[in-house]
Each structure stands twice: as C-alpha cells, then as structure tokens.
Amino acid sequence: MYGFLRLTQGPDRGCYYHELFLKHKLYLCQDITRTGVNGNVVKRRVDPKTEPDFYSMPFVAPDPELPEYLLPFIKKDERNEPNNGE
C-alpha cells in the first residue's frame, strides 16, 4: 500500500522494508506516498538477488539537526555528539 517490500530470505525473512524508511532519517518519510490498492492485483514476485543485505551496509548515524524531543528515543551510542571522554 505504501511501497514496502517483504524480505524473502536471510535473518529478516518475512520483514518489510522501504528505501525511504530509515532509522534517524525522518525527513525521508515525507516522500513515502500511499498507492491505490486494487483487490484483483496479484503481487509480483521479488527476485531474492535484488533484496538488500542490511548487515553489509554501513551504520547510518542520526542527523545533527534531529529535533531535541527525539533524542531520548535514540540510544546514547548512536547519537552524533562528543562523548567528552566517557
């Protein structure tokens, strides 16, 4: 309905993903659009070779412009801030 795709293999088999739905990248979500759903449409089969391997991708740090009210929901070790020798 919103363009999410289901993984068919690997440790996350059965989970859904969207290229614009990334942790700490809230601004990307505004480009996710609802698509019409027709009850007669057959879902296309996804080629497992084209599925992303999330475990081989680099870590994505939070944006420095992340609103203050969201910081409590981000683990301290994932924040973009100096640790002051901790």
PDB file of N, CA and C in Angstrom:
ATOM      1  N   MET A   1       0.812  -1.189   0.000  1.00  0.00           N
ATOM      2  CA  MET A   1       0.000   0.000   0.000  1.00  0.00           C
ATOM      3  C   MET A   1       0.862   1.262   0.000  1.00  0.00           C
ATOM      4  N   TYR A   2       1.990   1.250   0.698  1.00  0.00           N
ATOM      5  CA  TYR A   2       2.897   2.391   0.717  1.00  0.00           C
ATOM      6  C   TYR A   2       4.224   2.078   0.047  1.00  0.00           C
ATOM      7  N   GLY A   3       4.320   0.951  -0.601  1.00  0.00           N
ATOM      8  CA  GLY A   3       5.536   0.597  -1.304  1.00  0.00           C
ATOM      9  C   GLY A   3       6.523  -0.220  -0.502  1.00  0.00           C
ATOM     10  N   PHE A   4       6.117  -0.717   0.661  1.00  0.00           N
ATOM     11  CA  PHE A   4       7.002  -1.569   1.450  1.00  0.00           C
ATOM     12  C   PHE A   4       7.122  -2.925   0.769  1.00  0.00           C
ATOM     13  N   LEU A   5       8.304  -3.505   0.823  1.00  0.00           N
ATOM     14  CA  LEU A   5       8.553  -4.808   0.227  1.00  0.00           C
ATOM     15  C   LEU A   5       8.913  -5.799   1.321  1.00  0.00           C
ATOM     16  N   ARG A   6       8.595  -7.051   1.084  1.00  0.00           N
ATOM     17  CA  ARG A   6       8.845  -8.093   2.074  1.00  0.00           C
ATOM     18  C   ARG A   6      10.114  -8.858   1.721  1.00  0.00           C
ATOM     19  N   LEU A   7      10.970  -9.063   2.724  1.00  0.00           N
ATOM     20  CA  LEU A   7      12.185  -9.840   2.523  1.00  0.00           C
ATOM     21  C   LEU A   7      11.827 -11.318   2.467  1.00  0.00           C
ATOM     22  N   THR A   8      12.464 -12.049   1.555  1.00  0.00           N
ATOM     23  CA  THR A   8      12.119 -13.453   1.363  1.00  0.00           C
ATOM     24  C   THR A   8      13.207 -14.411   1.832  1.00  0.00           C
ATOM     25  N   GLN A   9      14.339 -13.865   2.285  1.00  0.00           N
ATOM     26  CA  GLN A   9      15.426 -14.735   2.730  1.00  0.00           C
ATOM     27  C   GLN A   9      16.257 -14.042   3.801  1.00  0.00           C
ATOM     28  N   GLY A  10      17.128 -14.790   4.437  1.00  0.00           N
ATOM     29  CA  GLY A  10      18.036 -14.234   5.435  1.00  0.00           C
ATOM     30  C   GLY A  10      17.407 -14.145   6.810  1.00  0.00           C
ATOM     31  N   PRO A  11      18.143 -13.566   7.769  1.00  0.00           N
ATOM     32  CA  PRO A  11      17.666 -13.497   9.154  1.00  0.00           C
ATOM     33  C   PRO A  11      16.420 -12.630   9.330  1.00  0.00           C
ATOM     34  N   ASP A  12      16.171 -11.726   8.398  1.00  0.00           N
ATOM     35  CA  ASP A  12      14.996 -10.849   8.485  1.00  0.00           C
ATOM     36  C   ASP A  12      13.868 -11.301   7.569  1.00  0.00           C
ATOM     37  N   ARG A  13      13.905 -12.544   7.171  1.00  0.00           N
ATOM     38  CA  ARG A  13      12.874 -13.086   6.277  1.00  0.00           C
ATOM     39  C   ARG A  13      11.483 -12.818   6.844  1.00  0.00           C
ATOM     40  N   GLY A  14      10.606 -12.311   5.986  1.00  0.00           N
ATOM     41  CA  GLY A  14       9.238 -12.016   6.408  1.00  0.00           C
ATOM     42  C   GLY A  14       9.037 -10.582   6.869  1.00  0.00           C
ATOM     43  N   CYS A  15      10.123  -9.842   7.073  1.00  0.00           N
ATOM     44  CA  CYS A  15      10.030  -8.445   7.493  1.00  0.00           C
ATOM     45  C   CYS A  15       9.848  -7.554   6.272  1.00  0.00           C
ATOM     46  N   TYR A  16       9.341  -6.363   6.516  1.00  0.00           N
ATOM     47  CA  TYR A  16       9.118  -5.403   5.441  1.00  0.00           C
ATOM     48  C   TYR A  16      10.146  -4.282   5.504  1.00  0.00           C
ATOM     49  N   TYR A  17      10.463  -3.701   4.344  1.00  0.00           N
ATOM     50  CA  TYR A  17      11.378  -2.572   4.288  1.00  0.00           C
ATOM     51  C   TYR A  17      10.933  -1.602   3.198  1.00  0.00           C
ATOM     52  N   HIS A  18      11.406  -0.380   3.309  1.00  0.00           N
ATOM     53  CA  HIS A  18      11.145   0.652   2.311  1.00  0.00           C
ATOM     54  C   HIS A  18      12.407   1.485   2.215  1.00  0.00           C
ATOM     55  N   GLU A  19      12.832   1.834   1.005  1.00  0.00           N
ATOM     56  CA  GLU A  19      14.076   2.574   0.838  1.00  0.00           C
ATOM     57  C   GLU A  19      14.026   3.969   1.458  1.00  0.00           C
ATOM     58  N   LEU A  20      12.826   4.495   1.713  1.00  0.00           N
ATOM     59  CA  LEU A  20      12.688   5.819   2.323  1.00  0.00           C
ATOM     60  C   LEU A  20      12.320   5.757   3.798  1.00  0.00           C
ATOM     61  N   PHE A  21      12.378   4.577   4.403  1.00  0.00           N
ATOM     62  CA  PHE A  21      12.039   4.414   5.816  1.00  0.00           C
ATOM     63  C   PHE A  21      13.306   3.961   6.537  1.00  0.00           C
ATOM     64  N   LEU A  22      14.128   4.936   6.929  1.00  0.00           N
ATOM     65  CA  LEU A  22      15.409   4.655   7.553  1.00  0.00           C
ATOM     66  C   LEU A  22      15.473   5.256   8.952  1.00  0.00           C
ATOM     67  N   LYS A  23      16.015   4.488   9.862  1.00  0.00           N
ATOM     68  CA  LYS A  23      16.181   4.941  11.236  1.00  0.00           C
ATOM     69  C   LYS A  23      16.986   6.239  11.260  1.00  0.00           C
ATOM     70  N   HIS A  24      16.519   7.217  12.011  1.00  0.00           N
ATOM     71  CA  HIS A  24      17.151   8.519  12.204  1.00  0.00           C
ATOM     72  C   HIS A  24      17.070   9.429  10.983  1.00  0.00           C
ATOM     73  N   LYS A  25      16.410   9.034   9.929  1.00  0.00           N
ATOM     74  CA  LYS A  25      16.303   9.872   8.730  1.00  0.00           C
ATOM     75  C   LYS A  25      14.834  10.220   8.495  1.00  0.00           C
ATOM     76  N   LEU A  26      14.273  10.966   9.445  1.00  0.00           N
ATOM     77  CA  LEU A  26      12.845  11.270   9.434  1.00  0.00           C
ATOM     78  C   LEU A  26      12.401  12.031   8.196  1.00  0.00           C
ATOM     79  N   TYR A  27      13.268  12.874   7.662  1.00  0.00           N
ATOM     80  CA  TYR A  27      12.891  13.696   6.519  1.00  0.00           C
ATOM     81  C   TYR A  27      12.582  12.860   5.273  1.00  0.00           C
ATOM     82  N   LEU A  28      13.081  11.635   5.211  1.00  0.00           N
ATOM     83  CA  LEU A  28      12.811  10.793   4.045  1.00  0.00           C
ATOM     84  C   LEU A  28      11.361  10.305   4.002  1.00  0.00           C
ATOM     85  N   CYS A  29      10.752  10.145   5.158  1.00  0.00           N
ATOM     86  CA  CYS A  29       9.383   9.609   5.233  1.00  0.00           C
ATOM     87  C   CYS A  29       8.365  10.475   4.501  1.00  0.00           C
ATOM     88  N   GLN A  30       8.625  11.756   4.403  1.00  0.00           N
ATOM     89  CA  GLN A  30       7.647  12.641   3.757  1.00  0.00           C
ATOM     90  C   GLN A  30       7.473  12.322   2.277  1.00  0.00           C
ATOM     91  N   ASP A  31       8.422  11.571   1.704  1.00  0.00           N
ATOM     92  CA  ASP A  31       8.308  11.203   0.293  1.00  0.00           C
ATOM     93  C   ASP A  31       7.648   9.840   0.072  1.00  0.00           C
ATOM     94  N   ILE A  32       7.251   9.172   1.162  1.00  0.00           N
ATOM     95  CA  ILE A  32       6.528   7.912   1.023  1.00  0.00           C
ATOM     96  C   ILE A  32       5.073   8.260   0.714  1.00  0.00           C
ATOM     97  N   THR A  33       4.569   7.731  -0.381  1.00  0.00           N
ATOM     98  CA  THR A  33       3.196   8.047  -0.765  1.00  0.00           C
ATOM     99  C   THR A  33       2.343   6.779  -0.770  1.00  0.00           C
ATOM    100  N   ARG A  34       1.087   6.983  -0.473  1.00  0.00           N
ATOM    101  CA  ARG A  34       0.135   5.875  -0.478  1.00  0.00           C
ATOM    102  C   ARG A  34      -0.247   5.571  -1.920  1.00  0.00           C
ATOM    103  N   THR A  35      -0.203   4.300  -2.252  1.00  0.00           N
ATOM    104  CA  THR A  35      -0.599   3.891  -3.594  1.00  0.00           C
ATOM    105  C   THR A  35      -1.941   3.183  -3.519  1.00  0.00           C
ATOM    106  N   GLY A  36      -2.705   3.315  -4.554  1.00  0.00           N
ATOM    107  CA  GLY A  36      -4.012   2.666  -4.582  1.00  0.00           C
ATOM    108  C   GLY A  36      -3.875   1.157  -4.559  1.00  0.00           C
ATOM    109  N   VAL A  37      -4.823   0.507  -3.909  1.00  0.00           N
ATOM    110  CA  VAL A  37      -4.809  -0.949  -3.826  1.00  0.00           C
ATOM    111  C   VAL A  37      -6.041  -1.476  -4.521  1.00  0.00           C
ATOM    112  N   ASN A  38      -5.816  -2.347  -5.482  1.00  0.00           N
ATOM    113  CA  ASN A  38      -6.903  -2.979  -6.204  1.00  0.00           C
ATOM    114  C   ASN A  38      -6.952  -4.431  -5.743  1.00  0.00           C
ATOM    115  N   GLY A  39      -8.052  -4.879  -5.263  1.00  0.00           N
ATOM    116  CA  GLY A  39      -8.178  -6.232  -4.728  1.00  0.00           C
ATOM    117  C   GLY A  39      -7.881  -7.339  -5.717  1.00  0.00           C
ATOM    118  N   ASN A  40      -7.854  -7.028  -6.996  1.00  0.00           N
ATOM    119  CA  ASN A  40      -7.621  -8.048  -8.014  1.00  0.00           C
ATOM    120  C   ASN A  40      -6.164  -8.144  -8.474  1.00  0.00           C
ATOM    121  N   VAL A  41      -5.304  -7.299  -7.927  1.00  0.00           N
ATOM    122  CA  VAL A  41      -3.917  -7.275  -8.357  1.00  0.00           C
ATOM    123  C   VAL A  41      -3.133  -8.411  -7.697  1.00  0.00           C
ATOM    124  N   VAL A  42      -2.375  -9.124  -8.498  1.00  0.00           N
ATOM    125  CA  VAL A  42      -1.522 -10.183  -7.976  1.00  0.00           C
ATOM    126  C   VAL A  42      -0.162  -9.563  -7.678  1.00  0.00           C
ATOM    127  N   LYS A  43       0.358  -9.809  -6.469  1.00  0.00           N
ATOM    128  CA  LYS A  43       1.649  -9.246  -6.101  1.00  0.00           C
ATOM    129  C   LYS A  43       2.744  -9.883  -6.934  1.00  0.00           C
ATOM    130  N   ARG A  44       3.643  -9.033  -7.419  1.00  0.00           N
ATOM    131  CA  ARG A  44       4.753  -9.560  -8.212  1.00  0.00           C
ATOM    132  C   ARG A  44       5.767 -10.224  -7.281  1.00  0.00           C
ATOM    133  N   ARG A  45       6.406 -11.247  -7.791  1.00  0.00           N
ATOM    134  CA  ARG A  45       7.408 -11.947  -7.008  1.00  0.00           C
ATOM    135  C   ARG A  45       8.711 -11.161  -7.064  1.00  0.00           C
ATOM    136  N   VAL A  46       9.334 -11.016  -5.915  1.00  0.00           N
ATOM    137  CA  VAL A  46      10.582 -10.283  -5.821  1.00  0.00           C
ATOM    138  C   VAL A  46      11.738 -11.253  -6.011  1.00  0.00           C
ATOM    139  N   ASP A  47      12.708 -10.847  -6.796  1.00  0.00           N
ATOM    140  CA  ASP A  47      13.901 -11.661  -7.009  1.00  0.00           C
ATOM    141  C   ASP A  47      14.796 -11.528  -5.776  1.00  0.00           C
ATOM    142  N   PRO A  48      15.055 -12.617  -5.058  1.00  0.00           N
ATOM    143  CA  PRO A  48      15.886 -12.539  -3.851  1.00  0.00           C
ATOM    144  C   PRO A  48      17.270 -11.947  -4.103  1.00  0.00           C
ATOM    145  N   LYS A  49      17.755 -12.026  -5.322  1.00  0.00           N
ATOM    146  CA  LYS A  49      19.079 -11.466  -5.633  1.00  0.00           C
ATOM    147  C   LYS A  49      19.081  -9.942  -5.578  1.00  0.00           C
ATOM    148  N   THR A  50      17.902  -9.325  -5.702  1.00  0.00           N
ATOM    149  CA  THR A  50      17.828  -7.863  -5.687  1.00  0.00           C
ATOM    150  C   THR A  50      17.496  -7.302  -4.309  1.00  0.00           C
ATOM    151  N   GLU A  51      17.256  -8.174  -3.327  1.00  0.00           N
ATOM    152  CA  GLU A  51      16.936  -7.709  -1.982  1.00  0.00           C
ATOM    153  C   GLU A  51      18.187  -7.147  -1.300  1.00  0.00           C
ATOM    154  N   PRO A  52      18.007  -6.105  -0.475  1.00  0.00           N
ATOM    155  CA  PRO A  52      19.165  -5.526   0.200  1.00  0.00           C
ATOM    156  C   PRO A  52      19.700  -6.443   1.305  1.00  0.00           C
ATOM    157  N   ASP A  53      21.000  -6.367   1.532  1.00  0.00           N
ATOM    158  CA  ASP A  53      21.629  -7.073   2.649  1.00  0.00           C
ATOM    159  C   ASP A  53      21.960  -6.022   3.701  1.00  0.00           C
ATOM    160  N   PHE A  54      21.066  -5.818   4.646  1.00  0.00           N
ATOM    161  CA  PHE A  54      21.217  -4.760   5.634  1.00  0.00           C
ATOM    162  C   PHE A  54      22.440  -4.956   6.531  1.00  0.00           C
ATOM    163  N   TYR A  55      22.885  -6.183   6.679  1.00  0.00           N
ATOM    164  CA  TYR A  55      24.003  -6.460   7.576  1.00  0.00           C
ATOM    165  C   TYR A  55      25.346  -6.108   6.945  1.00  0.00           C
ATOM    166  N   SER A  56      25.376  -5.885   5.644  1.00  0.00           N
ATOM    167  CA  SER A  56      26.625  -5.487   4.998  1.00  0.00           C
ATOM    168  C   SER A  56      26.687  -3.974   4.765  1.00  0.00           C
ATOM    169  N   MET A  57      25.620  -3.264   5.120  1.00  0.00           N
ATOM    170  CA  MET A  57      25.575  -1.814   4.911  1.00  0.00           C
ATOM    171  C   MET A  57      26.239  -1.093   6.084  1.00  0.00           C
ATOM    172  N   PRO A  58      26.812   0.078   5.813  1.00  0.00           N
ATOM    173  CA  PRO A  58      27.443   0.846   6.898  1.00  0.00           C
ATOM    174  C   PRO A  58      26.394   1.444   7.839  1.00  0.00           C
ATOM    175  N   PHE A  59      26.820   1.717   9.071  1.00  0.00           N
ATOM    176  CA  PHE A  59      25.956   2.336  10.069  1.00  0.00           C
ATOM    177  C   PHE A  59      25.547   3.729   9.602  1.00  0.00           C
ATOM    178  N   VAL A  60      24.305   4.104   9.832  1.00  0.00           N
ATOM    179  CA  VAL A  60      23.802   5.435   9.487  1.00  0.00           C
ATOM    180  C   VAL A  60      23.568   6.188  10.788  1.00  0.00           C
ATOM    181  N   ALA A  61      24.383   7.205  11.032  1.00  0.00           N
ATOM    182  CA  ALA A  61      24.276   7.997  12.257  1.00  0.00           C
ATOM    183  C   ALA A  61      23.095   8.960  12.158  1.00  0.00           C
ATOM    184  N   PRO A  62      22.550   9.362  13.301  1.00  0.00           N
ATOM    185  CA  PRO A  62      21.445  10.329  13.291  1.00  0.00           C
ATOM    186  C   PRO A  62      21.900  11.663  12.704  1.00  0.00           C
ATOM    187  N   ASP A  63      20.959  12.393  12.159  1.00  0.00           N
ATOM    188  CA  ASP A  63      21.264  13.713  11.628  1.00  0.00           C
ATOM    189  C   ASP A  63      21.564  14.669  12.775  1.00  0.00           C
ATOM    190  N   PRO A  64      22.540  15.550  12.597  1.00  0.00           N
ATOM    191  CA  PRO A  64      22.838  16.530  13.649  1.00  0.00           C
ATOM    192  C   PRO A  64      21.669  17.474  13.898  1.00  0.00           C
ATOM    193  N   GLU A  65      20.798  17.646  12.905  1.00  0.00           N
ATOM    194  CA  GLU A  65      19.658  18.556  13.048  1.00  0.00           C
ATOM    195  C   GLU A  65      18.435  17.866  13.650  1.00  0.00           C
ATOM    196  N   LEU A  66      18.608  16.680  14.198  1.00  0.00           N
ATOM    197  CA  LEU A  66      17.494  15.944  14.775  1.00  0.00           C
ATOM    198  C   LEU A  66      16.870  16.753  15.913  1.00  0.00           C
ATOM    199  N   PRO A  67      15.554  16.899  15.929  1.00  0.00           N
ATOM    200  CA  PRO A  67      14.903  17.686  16.984  1.00  0.00           C
ATOM    201  C   PRO A  67      15.201  17.141  18.377  1.00  0.00           C
ATOM    202  N   GLU A  68      15.357  18.052  19.323  1.00  0.00           N
ATOM    203  CA  GLU A  68      15.694  17.686  20.710  1.00  0.00           C
ATOM    204  C   GLU A  68      14.712  16.682  21.312  1.00  0.00           C
ATOM    205  N   TYR A  69      13.429  16.817  20.992  1.00  0.00           N
ATOM    206  CA  TYR A  69      12.429  15.952  21.612  1.00  0.00           C
ATOM    207  C   TYR A  69      12.576  14.488  21.189  1.00  0.00           C
ATOM    208  N   LEU A  70      13.328  14.216  20.126  1.00  0.00           N
ATOM    209  CA  LEU A  70      13.525  12.835  19.692  1.00  0.00           C
ATOM    210  C   LEU A  70      14.756  12.180  20.308  1.00  0.00           C
ATOM    211  N   LEU A  71      15.652  12.972  20.879  1.00  0.00           N
ATOM    212  CA  LEU A  71      16.894  12.414  21.423  1.00  0.00           C
ATOM    213  C   LEU A  71      16.682  11.330  22.484  1.00  0.00           C
ATOM    214  N   PRO A  72      15.688  11.443  23.360  1.00  0.00           N
ATOM    215  CA  PRO A  72      15.510  10.362  24.343  1.00  0.00           C
ATOM    216  C   PRO A  72      15.205   9.001  23.718  1.00  0.00           C
ATOM    217  N   PHE A  73      14.755   8.981  22.471  1.00  0.00           N
ATOM    218  CA  PHE A  73      14.403   7.726  21.811  1.00  0.00           C
ATOM    219  C   PHE A  73      15.571   7.109  21.052  1.00  0.00           C
ATOM    220  N   ILE A  74      16.711   7.777  21.064  1.00  0.00           N
ATOM    221  CA  ILE A  74      17.896   7.282  20.371  1.00  0.00           C
ATOM    222  C   ILE A  74      18.915   6.849  21.414  1.00  0.00           C
ATOM    223  N   LYS A  75      19.458   5.654  21.243  1.00  0.00           N
ATOM    224  CA  LYS A  75      20.467   5.167  22.171  1.00  0.00           C
ATOM    225  C   LYS A  75      21.645   6.131  22.203  1.00  0.00           C
ATOM    226  N   LYS A  76      22.215   6.304  23.382  1.00  0.00           N
ATOM    227  CA  LYS A  76      23.298   7.259  23.541  1.00  0.00           C
ATOM    228  C   LYS A  76      24.465   6.973  22.591  1.00  0.00           C
ATOM    229  N   ASP A  77      24.794   5.705  22.356  1.00  0.00           N
ATOM    230  CA  ASP A  77      25.929   5.389  21.498  1.00  0.00           C
ATOM    231  C   ASP A  77      25.632   5.601  20.010  1.00  0.00           C
ATOM    232  N   GLU A  78      24.381   5.918  19.637  1.00  0.00           N
ATOM    233  CA  GLU A  78      24.026   6.171  18.252  1.00  0.00           C
ATOM    234  C   GLU A  78      23.912   7.661  17.943  1.00  0.00           C
ATOM    235  N   ARG A  79      24.066   8.492  18.945  1.00  0.00           N
ATOM    236  CA  ARG A  79      23.914   9.931  18.736  1.00  0.00           C
ATOM    237  C   ARG A  79      25.164  10.531  18.122  1.00  0.00           C
ATOM    238  N   ASN A  80      24.988  11.623  17.406  1.00  0.00           N
ATOM    239  CA  ASN A  80      26.097  12.371  16.811  1.00  0.00           C
ATOM    240  C   ASN A  80      26.535  13.449  17.778  1.00  0.00           C
ATOM    241  N   GLU A  81      27.145  13.081  18.858  1.00  0.00           N
ATOM    242  CA  GLU A  81      27.590  14.093  19.822  1.00  0.00           C
ATOM    243  C   GLU A  81      28.889  13.608  20.451  1.00  0.00           C
ATOM    244  N   PRO A  82      29.747  14.532  20.868  1.00  0.00           N
ATOM    245  CA  PRO A  82      31.009  14.128  21.502  1.00  0.00           C
ATOM    246  C   PRO A  82      30.734  13.441  22.821  1.00  0.00           C
ATOM    247  N   ASN A  83      31.555  12.448  23.155  1.00  0.00           N
ATOM    248  CA  ASN A  83      31.315  11.722  24.397  1.00  0.00           C
ATOM    249  C   ASN A  83      32.077  12.285  25.581  1.00  0.00           C
ATOM    250  N   ASN A  84      32.872  13.340  25.382  1.00  0.00           N
ATOM    251  CA  ASN A  84      33.580  14.009  26.461  1.00  0.00           C
ATOM    252  C   ASN A  84      34.385  13.060  27.337  1.00  0.00           C
ATOM    253  N   GLY A  85      35.024  12.109  26.727  1.00  0.00           N
ATOM    254  CA  GLY A  85      35.900  11.191  27.465  1.00  0.00           C
ATOM    255  C   GLY A  85      35.200  10.090  28.208  1.00  0.00           C
ATOM    256  N   GLU A  86      33.919   9.916  27.997  1.00  0.00           N
ATOM    257  CA  GLU A  86      33.189   8.838  28.702  1.00  0.00           C
ATOM    258  C   GLU A  86      33.568   7.499  28.179  1.00  0.00           C
TER     259      GLU A  86
END
